[in-house]
Amino acid sequence: MIATSYRYIVRKAGVRSGHAIVEGSRLGVHDVVAMIRTGCSVDEVVQAFPTLTRAQVYECLAYYEDHQAELEPLIAGQTARLDA
């Protein structure tokens, strides 16, 4: 596992192609950000993923702000399916 400078965000070789995930899960940071970008509230994300905390959701958003170039293609791939 590769730690990041974020409390809840890690990378694991072989998990989600090595992209940033929420520690203790297989949930990608880009999954959380995509939900927010498509209109879900923080509370709705937590309801969809009951093991996720509000702090983890907010940290995913902070990670996105610092790593937009990395995450934008992943988010676009997910949200493109919604536009089809």
N, C-alpha and C. Protein backbone atom coordinates (compact mmCIF):
# COMPACT_ATOMS: atom_id res chain seq x y z
N MET A 1 0.85 -1.17 0.00
CA MET A 1 0.00 0.00 0.00
C MET A 1 0.90 1.24 0.00
N ILE A 2 0.52 2.20 -0.80
CA ILE A 2 1.26 3.45 -0.87
C ILE A 2 0.44 4.52 -0.18
N ALA A 3 0.99 5.09 0.86
CA ALA A 3 0.30 6.15 1.59
C ALA A 3 0.38 7.44 0.78
N THR A 4 -0.60 8.28 0.99
CA THR A 4 -0.58 9.62 0.42
C THR A 4 -0.53 10.60 1.57
N SER A 5 -0.53 11.87 1.28
CA SER A 5 -0.51 12.86 2.35
C SER A 5 -1.92 13.12 2.89
N TYR A 6 -2.83 12.25 2.55
CA TYR A 6 -4.21 12.35 3.00
C TYR A 6 -4.48 11.25 4.01
N ARG A 7 -5.30 11.54 4.98
CA ARG A 7 -5.57 10.58 6.06
C ARG A 7 -6.29 9.33 5.56
N TYR A 8 -7.26 9.49 4.65
CA TYR A 8 -8.11 8.38 4.25
C TYR A 8 -7.86 7.87 2.83
N ILE A 9 -6.92 8.45 2.11
CA ILE A 9 -6.71 8.12 0.71
C ILE A 9 -5.40 7.35 0.56
N VAL A 10 -5.45 6.21 -0.12
CA VAL A 10 -4.27 5.39 -0.37
C VAL A 10 -4.30 4.88 -1.81
N ARG A 11 -3.22 4.26 -2.20
CA ARG A 11 -3.12 3.55 -3.48
C ARG A 11 -2.62 2.14 -3.16
N LYS A 12 -3.19 1.15 -3.82
CA LYS A 12 -2.74 -0.23 -3.64
C LYS A 12 -2.50 -0.83 -5.02
N ALA A 13 -1.33 -1.39 -5.19
CA ALA A 13 -1.03 -2.05 -6.45
C ALA A 13 -2.06 -3.15 -6.68
N GLY A 14 -2.62 -3.19 -7.87
CA GLY A 14 -3.59 -4.22 -8.21
C GLY A 14 -5.01 -3.93 -7.79
N VAL A 15 -5.24 -2.83 -7.11
CA VAL A 15 -6.60 -2.45 -6.70
C VAL A 15 -6.97 -1.20 -7.47
N ARG A 16 -8.04 -1.30 -8.25
CA ARG A 16 -8.54 -0.18 -9.05
C ARG A 16 -7.43 0.41 -9.91
N SER A 17 -6.63 -0.47 -10.49
CA SER A 17 -5.54 -0.09 -11.40
C SER A 17 -4.54 0.86 -10.74
N GLY A 18 -4.43 0.80 -9.42
CA GLY A 18 -3.48 1.64 -8.71
C GLY A 18 -3.94 3.07 -8.48
N HIS A 19 -5.19 3.36 -8.86
CA HIS A 19 -5.71 4.71 -8.65
C HIS A 19 -6.01 4.92 -7.16
N ALA A 20 -6.14 6.17 -6.78
CA ALA A 20 -6.42 6.53 -5.39
C ALA A 20 -7.77 5.97 -4.95
N ILE A 21 -7.78 5.35 -3.78
CA ILE A 21 -9.00 4.78 -3.21
C ILE A 21 -9.15 5.23 -1.77
N VAL A 22 -10.34 5.04 -1.24
CA VAL A 22 -10.59 5.31 0.18
C VAL A 22 -10.03 4.11 0.95
N GLU A 23 -9.17 4.39 1.91
CA GLU A 23 -8.53 3.33 2.69
C GLU A 23 -9.57 2.40 3.30
N GLY A 24 -9.28 1.10 3.23
CA GLY A 24 -10.18 0.10 3.80
C GLY A 24 -11.31 -0.27 2.87
N SER A 25 -11.26 0.21 1.63
CA SER A 25 -12.31 -0.11 0.67
C SER A 25 -11.69 -0.27 -0.71
N ARG A 26 -12.52 -0.55 -1.69
CA ARG A 26 -12.11 -0.56 -3.09
C ARG A 26 -12.74 0.62 -3.81
N LEU A 27 -13.29 1.54 -3.07
CA LEU A 27 -13.99 2.69 -3.62
C LEU A 27 -12.99 3.74 -4.08
N GLY A 28 -13.01 4.03 -5.38
CA GLY A 28 -12.10 5.01 -5.93
C GLY A 28 -12.51 6.43 -5.58
N VAL A 29 -11.51 7.27 -5.40
CA VAL A 29 -11.79 8.69 -5.17
C VAL A 29 -12.62 9.22 -6.33
N HIS A 30 -12.30 8.79 -7.53
CA HIS A 30 -13.05 9.26 -8.70
C HIS A 30 -14.52 8.81 -8.66
N ASP A 31 -14.81 7.67 -8.02
CA ASP A 31 -16.21 7.22 -7.88
C ASP A 31 -17.00 8.22 -7.04
N VAL A 32 -16.39 8.63 -5.94
CA VAL A 32 -17.05 9.57 -5.03
C VAL A 32 -17.25 10.92 -5.71
N VAL A 33 -16.21 11.41 -6.36
CA VAL A 33 -16.29 12.71 -7.01
C VAL A 33 -17.31 12.66 -8.15
N ALA A 34 -17.36 11.58 -8.89
CA ALA A 34 -18.34 11.45 -9.98
C ALA A 34 -19.76 11.53 -9.43
N MET A 35 -20.01 10.91 -8.29
CA MET A 35 -21.35 10.98 -7.70
C MET A 35 -21.71 12.42 -7.34
N ILE A 36 -20.77 13.12 -6.75
CA ILE A 36 -21.02 14.52 -6.38
C ILE A 36 -21.26 15.35 -7.64
N ARG A 37 -20.45 15.14 -8.65
CA ARG A 37 -20.56 15.92 -9.88
C ARG A 37 -21.86 15.65 -10.64
N THR A 38 -22.45 14.47 -10.42
CA THR A 38 -23.71 14.16 -11.10
C THR A 38 -24.92 14.52 -10.25
N GLY A 39 -24.69 15.24 -9.15
CA GLY A 39 -25.81 15.78 -8.40
C GLY A 39 -26.08 15.20 -7.03
N CYS A 40 -25.32 14.21 -6.61
CA CYS A 40 -25.54 13.64 -5.28
C CYS A 40 -24.97 14.57 -4.22
N SER A 41 -25.62 14.60 -3.10
CA SER A 41 -25.09 15.35 -1.96
C SER A 41 -24.12 14.45 -1.20
N VAL A 42 -23.38 15.03 -0.29
CA VAL A 42 -22.46 14.26 0.55
C VAL A 42 -23.25 13.20 1.32
N ASP A 43 -24.40 13.58 1.85
CA ASP A 43 -25.22 12.61 2.60
C ASP A 43 -25.71 11.48 1.71
N GLU A 44 -26.03 11.76 0.46
CA GLU A 44 -26.46 10.70 -0.46
C GLU A 44 -25.33 9.74 -0.78
N VAL A 45 -24.12 10.25 -0.89
CA VAL A 45 -22.97 9.38 -1.12
C VAL A 45 -22.78 8.46 0.08
N VAL A 46 -22.88 9.02 1.28
CA VAL A 46 -22.74 8.21 2.49
C VAL A 46 -23.85 7.17 2.59
N GLN A 47 -25.05 7.53 2.18
CA GLN A 47 -26.15 6.56 2.19
C GLN A 47 -25.90 5.44 1.19
N ALA A 48 -25.32 5.78 0.05
CA ALA A 48 -25.03 4.77 -0.97
C ALA A 48 -23.91 3.83 -0.54
N PHE A 49 -22.98 4.34 0.24
CA PHE A 49 -21.84 3.56 0.72
C PHE A 49 -21.76 3.71 2.24
N PRO A 50 -22.53 2.92 2.98
CA PRO A 50 -22.66 3.10 4.44
C PRO A 50 -21.35 2.99 5.22
N THR A 51 -20.32 2.37 4.66
CA THR A 51 -19.05 2.30 5.39
C THR A 51 -18.23 3.58 5.23
N LEU A 52 -18.66 4.45 4.34
CA LEU A 52 -17.98 5.71 4.08
C LEU A 52 -18.45 6.77 5.07
N THR A 53 -17.54 7.59 5.54
CA THR A 53 -17.92 8.68 6.43
C THR A 53 -17.96 9.99 5.66
N ARG A 54 -18.60 10.97 6.25
CA ARG A 54 -18.64 12.30 5.63
C ARG A 54 -17.21 12.85 5.49
N ALA A 55 -16.37 12.61 6.48
CA ALA A 55 -14.98 13.08 6.42
C ALA A 55 -14.26 12.48 5.23
N GLN A 56 -14.50 11.21 4.95
CA GLN A 56 -13.87 10.57 3.80
C GLN A 56 -14.36 11.16 2.49
N VAL A 57 -15.64 11.47 2.41
CA VAL A 57 -16.18 12.09 1.20
C VAL A 57 -15.52 13.45 0.99
N TYR A 58 -15.46 14.25 2.04
CA TYR A 58 -14.83 15.56 1.92
C TYR A 58 -13.35 15.44 1.57
N GLU A 59 -12.69 14.43 2.08
CA GLU A 59 -11.28 14.25 1.72
C GLU A 59 -11.13 13.84 0.26
N CYS A 60 -12.06 13.06 -0.25
CA CYS A 60 -12.04 12.73 -1.68
C CYS A 60 -12.16 14.01 -2.52
N LEU A 61 -13.01 14.92 -2.08
CA LEU A 61 -13.15 16.19 -2.80
C LEU A 61 -11.88 17.02 -2.70
N ALA A 62 -11.24 17.01 -1.56
CA ALA A 62 -9.97 17.73 -1.40
C ALA A 62 -8.89 17.11 -2.28
N TYR A 63 -8.86 15.79 -2.33
CA TYR A 63 -7.89 15.10 -3.17
C TYR A 63 -8.14 15.47 -4.63
N TYR A 64 -9.38 15.51 -5.03
CA TYR A 64 -9.72 15.90 -6.40
C TYR A 64 -9.20 17.30 -6.71
N GLU A 65 -9.38 18.23 -5.80
CA GLU A 65 -8.93 19.60 -6.03
C GLU A 65 -7.42 19.65 -6.27
N ASP A 66 -6.68 18.78 -5.61
CA ASP A 66 -5.23 18.76 -5.75
C ASP A 66 -4.73 17.88 -6.91
N HIS A 67 -5.61 17.05 -7.48
CA HIS A 67 -5.20 16.08 -8.50
C HIS A 67 -6.20 16.01 -9.66
N GLN A 68 -6.69 17.14 -10.08
CA GLN A 68 -7.72 17.17 -11.13
C GLN A 68 -7.26 16.51 -12.42
N ALA A 69 -6.04 16.78 -12.84
CA ALA A 69 -5.56 16.21 -14.11
C ALA A 69 -5.55 14.69 -14.07
N GLU A 70 -5.25 14.12 -12.93
CA GLU A 70 -5.23 12.66 -12.76
C GLU A 70 -6.65 12.08 -12.78
N LEU A 71 -7.58 12.77 -12.13
CA LEU A 71 -8.92 12.21 -11.94
C LEU A 71 -9.92 12.54 -13.04
N GLU A 72 -9.74 13.64 -13.74
CA GLU A 72 -10.72 14.04 -14.76
C GLU A 72 -11.00 12.95 -15.79
N PRO A 73 -9.98 12.29 -16.36
CA PRO A 73 -10.28 11.24 -17.34
C PRO A 73 -11.10 10.08 -16.74
N LEU A 74 -10.83 9.74 -15.50
CA LEU A 74 -11.58 8.66 -14.84
C LEU A 74 -13.03 9.07 -14.61
N ILE A 75 -13.22 10.29 -14.16
CA ILE A 75 -14.57 10.80 -13.92
C ILE A 75 -15.33 10.90 -15.23
N ALA A 76 -14.68 11.41 -16.26
CA ALA A 76 -15.32 11.54 -17.58
C ALA A 76 -15.77 10.19 -18.11
N GLY A 77 -14.95 9.17 -17.90
CA GLY A 77 -15.31 7.81 -18.32
C GLY A 77 -16.55 7.30 -17.62
N GLN A 78 -16.68 7.61 -16.36
CA GLN A 78 -17.86 7.16 -15.61
C GLN A 78 -19.11 7.96 -15.98
N THR A 79 -18.97 9.25 -16.06
CA THR A 79 -20.15 10.07 -16.32
C THR A 79 -20.59 10.01 -17.78
N ALA A 80 -19.70 9.60 -18.68
CA ALA A 80 -20.06 9.45 -20.09
C ALA A 80 -21.16 8.41 -20.26
N ARG A 81 -21.12 7.39 -19.43
CA ARG A 81 -22.15 6.34 -19.49
C ARG A 81 -23.53 6.91 -19.15
N LEU A 82 -23.55 7.93 -18.31
CA LEU A 82 -24.82 8.55 -17.94
C LEU A 82 -25.38 9.41 -19.07
N ASP A 83 -24.48 9.97 -19.89
CA ASP A 83 -24.90 10.83 -20.98
C ASP A 83 -25.37 10.06 -22.19
N ALA A 84 -25.04 8.79 -22.26
CA ALA A 84 -25.38 7.97 -23.44
C ALA A 84 -26.85 7.60 -23.48
